[in-house]
């Protein structure tokens, strides 16, 4: 693929791509959710933190997409 400039090939070497490491590494840090408390609406920390990880993944992917577009 090429960029808008016909003479320049597209490169995926943007520093913004490093931001995509965050949603990969964050769920691997088990000490963050290795607890039963606090509870939110009766659900233990693990369950609502998993939803937060999804939100972090969507937000970081959106930021990287917009910054490298």
N, C-alpha and C. Protein backbone atom coordinates (compact mmCIF):
# COMPACT_ATOMS: atom_id res chain seq x y z
N UNK A 1 0.84 -1.18 0.00
CA UNK A 1 0.00 0.00 0.00
C UNK A 1 0.89 1.24 0.00
N UNK A 2 0.34 2.30 -0.46
CA UNK A 2 1.08 3.55 -0.48
C UNK A 2 0.32 4.61 0.29
N UNK A 3 1.05 5.66 0.62
CA UNK A 3 0.41 6.79 1.29
C UNK A 3 -0.20 7.69 0.23
N UNK A 4 -0.63 8.87 0.61
CA UNK A 4 -1.19 9.82 -0.34
C UNK A 4 -0.16 10.28 -1.36
N UNK A 5 1.11 10.23 -0.97
CA UNK A 5 2.20 10.61 -1.87
C UNK A 5 2.59 9.39 -2.70
N UNK A 6 2.43 9.44 -4.03
CA UNK A 6 2.70 8.26 -4.85
C UNK A 6 4.15 7.79 -4.83
N UNK A 7 5.10 8.66 -4.48
CA UNK A 7 6.50 8.28 -4.48
C UNK A 7 6.98 7.64 -3.19
N UNK A 8 6.18 7.72 -2.12
CA UNK A 8 6.60 7.20 -0.81
C UNK A 8 5.82 5.95 -0.44
N UNK A 9 6.52 4.88 -0.12
CA UNK A 9 5.80 3.68 0.36
C UNK A 9 5.29 3.90 1.78
N UNK A 10 4.24 3.19 2.12
CA UNK A 10 3.67 3.29 3.46
C UNK A 10 4.57 2.58 4.46
N UNK A 11 4.74 3.17 5.61
CA UNK A 11 5.53 2.54 6.66
C UNK A 11 4.67 2.41 7.92
N UNK A 12 4.83 1.31 8.63
CA UNK A 12 4.10 1.08 9.87
C UNK A 12 4.98 1.31 11.08
N UNK A 13 6.06 2.03 10.90
CA UNK A 13 7.01 2.27 11.98
C UNK A 13 6.71 3.56 12.72
N UNK A 14 5.54 3.64 13.28
CA UNK A 14 5.16 4.82 14.04
C UNK A 14 5.36 4.54 15.53
N UNK A 15 5.86 5.51 16.28
CA UNK A 15 5.99 5.31 17.72
C UNK A 15 4.64 5.12 18.41
N UNK A 16 3.58 5.56 17.78
CA UNK A 16 2.24 5.38 18.37
C UNK A 16 1.87 3.90 18.46
N UNK A 17 2.46 3.06 17.64
CA UNK A 17 2.15 1.63 17.68
C UNK A 17 2.57 0.99 19.00
N UNK A 18 3.55 1.57 19.68
CA UNK A 18 3.97 1.04 20.97
C UNK A 18 2.87 1.15 22.03
N UNK A 19 1.93 2.04 21.82
CA UNK A 19 0.82 2.18 22.76
C UNK A 19 -0.05 0.91 22.78
N UNK A 20 0.00 0.13 21.73
CA UNK A 20 -0.79 -1.10 21.67
C UNK A 20 -0.26 -2.18 22.60
N UNK A 21 0.90 -1.98 23.18
CA UNK A 21 1.43 -2.93 24.15
C UNK A 21 0.64 -2.86 25.46
N UNK A 22 0.11 -1.70 25.77
CA UNK A 22 -0.61 -1.50 27.04
C UNK A 22 -1.78 -2.47 27.21
N UNK A 23 -2.72 -2.60 26.24
CA UNK A 23 -3.83 -3.53 26.47
C UNK A 23 -3.41 -5.00 26.43
N UNK A 24 -2.20 -5.29 25.97
CA UNK A 24 -1.72 -6.67 25.98
C UNK A 24 -1.10 -7.00 27.34
N UNK A 25 -0.30 -6.09 27.86
CA UNK A 25 0.43 -6.34 29.10
C UNK A 25 -0.45 -6.16 30.34
N UNK A 26 -1.35 -5.21 30.30
CA UNK A 26 -2.18 -4.89 31.47
C UNK A 26 -2.93 -6.10 32.04
N UNK A 27 -3.61 -6.91 31.24
CA UNK A 27 -4.28 -8.08 31.83
C UNK A 27 -3.32 -9.16 32.34
N UNK A 28 -2.07 -9.11 31.94
CA UNK A 28 -1.09 -10.09 32.40
C UNK A 28 -0.57 -9.78 33.80
N UNK A 29 -0.85 -8.59 34.30
CA UNK A 29 -0.41 -8.19 35.64
C UNK A 29 -1.45 -8.67 36.65
N UNK A 30 -1.29 -9.91 37.08
CA UNK A 30 -2.32 -10.54 37.92
C UNK A 30 -2.48 -9.90 39.29
N UNK A 31 -1.45 -9.21 39.77
CA UNK A 31 -1.57 -8.58 41.09
C UNK A 31 -2.63 -7.48 41.10
N UNK A 32 -3.02 -7.00 39.90
CA UNK A 32 -4.04 -5.96 39.84
C UNK A 32 -5.42 -6.48 40.25
N UNK A 33 -5.71 -7.73 39.91
CA UNK A 33 -7.06 -8.25 40.16
C UNK A 33 -7.06 -9.52 40.99
N UNK A 34 -6.03 -9.74 41.77
CA UNK A 34 -5.96 -10.92 42.62
C UNK A 34 -6.59 -10.63 43.98
N UNK A 35 -7.85 -10.21 43.95
CA UNK A 35 -8.57 -9.91 45.19
C UNK A 35 -10.07 -10.06 44.95
N UNK A 36 -10.79 -10.26 46.01
CA UNK A 36 -12.25 -10.38 45.93
C UNK A 36 -12.92 -9.03 46.15
N UNK A 37 -12.30 -8.22 46.93
CA UNK A 37 -12.83 -6.89 47.25
C UNK A 37 -12.05 -5.85 46.48
N UNK A 38 -12.56 -4.74 46.15
CA UNK A 38 -13.91 -4.24 46.40
C UNK A 38 -14.90 -4.83 45.41
N UNK A 39 -16.14 -4.74 45.77
CA UNK A 39 -17.22 -5.22 44.90
C UNK A 39 -17.98 -4.03 44.35
N UNK A 40 -18.41 -4.17 43.10
CA UNK A 40 -19.20 -3.13 42.46
C UNK A 40 -20.49 -3.77 41.98
N UNK A 41 -21.62 -3.33 42.52
CA UNK A 41 -22.93 -3.91 42.22
C UNK A 41 -22.97 -5.40 42.48
N UNK A 42 -22.23 -5.85 43.49
CA UNK A 42 -22.21 -7.25 43.86
C UNK A 42 -21.19 -8.09 43.11
N UNK A 43 -20.55 -7.55 42.11
CA UNK A 43 -19.57 -8.30 41.33
C UNK A 43 -18.18 -8.07 41.90
N UNK A 44 -17.38 -9.15 42.01
CA UNK A 44 -16.02 -8.99 42.53
C UNK A 44 -15.14 -8.18 41.59
N UNK A 45 -14.02 -7.74 42.11
CA UNK A 45 -13.07 -6.91 41.39
C UNK A 45 -12.69 -7.51 40.03
N UNK A 46 -12.47 -8.82 39.97
CA UNK A 46 -12.03 -9.47 38.74
C UNK A 46 -12.95 -9.18 37.57
N UNK A 47 -14.25 -9.28 37.77
CA UNK A 47 -15.20 -9.14 36.67
C UNK A 47 -15.28 -7.72 36.13
N UNK A 48 -15.36 -6.75 37.00
CA UNK A 48 -15.47 -5.39 36.47
C UNK A 48 -14.14 -4.87 35.99
N UNK A 49 -13.04 -5.44 36.47
CA UNK A 49 -11.73 -5.05 35.95
C UNK A 49 -11.53 -5.60 34.53
N UNK A 50 -12.10 -6.76 34.24
CA UNK A 50 -12.04 -7.29 32.87
C UNK A 50 -12.76 -6.37 31.89
N UNK A 51 -13.88 -5.83 32.31
CA UNK A 51 -14.60 -4.85 31.48
C UNK A 51 -13.75 -3.60 31.29
N UNK A 52 -13.06 -3.17 32.34
CA UNK A 52 -12.17 -2.01 32.23
C UNK A 52 -11.03 -2.29 31.26
N UNK A 53 -10.51 -3.52 31.24
CA UNK A 53 -9.46 -3.88 30.29
C UNK A 53 -9.96 -3.78 28.85
N UNK A 54 -11.19 -4.15 28.62
CA UNK A 54 -11.78 -4.03 27.28
C UNK A 54 -11.85 -2.56 26.87
N UNK A 55 -12.30 -1.72 27.79
CA UNK A 55 -12.39 -0.28 27.51
C UNK A 55 -11.00 0.29 27.21
N UNK A 56 -9.99 -0.10 27.98
CA UNK A 56 -8.62 0.37 27.74
C UNK A 56 -8.15 -0.07 26.36
N UNK A 57 -8.46 -1.30 25.98
CA UNK A 57 -8.08 -1.79 24.66
C UNK A 57 -8.73 -1.02 23.53
N UNK A 58 -10.01 -0.72 23.67
CA UNK A 58 -10.72 0.03 22.64
C UNK A 58 -10.18 1.45 22.55
N UNK A 59 -9.95 2.08 23.70
CA UNK A 59 -9.46 3.46 23.69
C UNK A 59 -8.06 3.54 23.09
N UNK A 60 -7.16 2.64 23.48
CA UNK A 60 -5.80 2.70 22.93
C UNK A 60 -5.78 2.37 21.44
N UNK A 61 -6.59 1.43 21.00
CA UNK A 61 -6.66 1.11 19.58
C UNK A 61 -7.18 2.30 18.79
N UNK A 62 -8.19 2.97 19.32
CA UNK A 62 -8.74 4.15 18.65
C UNK A 62 -7.70 5.28 18.56
N UNK A 63 -6.97 5.50 19.64
CA UNK A 63 -5.94 6.54 19.64
C UNK A 63 -4.86 6.23 18.61
N UNK A 64 -4.38 4.99 18.59
CA UNK A 64 -3.34 4.62 17.63
C UNK A 64 -3.85 4.73 16.21
N UNK A 65 -5.08 4.31 15.96
CA UNK A 65 -5.65 4.41 14.61
C UNK A 65 -5.70 5.86 14.15
N UNK A 66 -6.21 6.73 15.01
CA UNK A 66 -6.35 8.13 14.61
C UNK A 66 -5.01 8.84 14.45
N UNK A 67 -4.04 8.50 15.27
CA UNK A 67 -2.74 9.16 15.20
C UNK A 67 -1.88 8.65 14.04
N UNK A 68 -2.12 7.44 13.57
CA UNK A 68 -1.32 6.90 12.47
C UNK A 68 -2.05 6.93 11.14
N UNK A 69 -3.23 7.45 11.12
CA UNK A 69 -4.05 7.51 9.90
C UNK A 69 -3.48 8.48 8.91
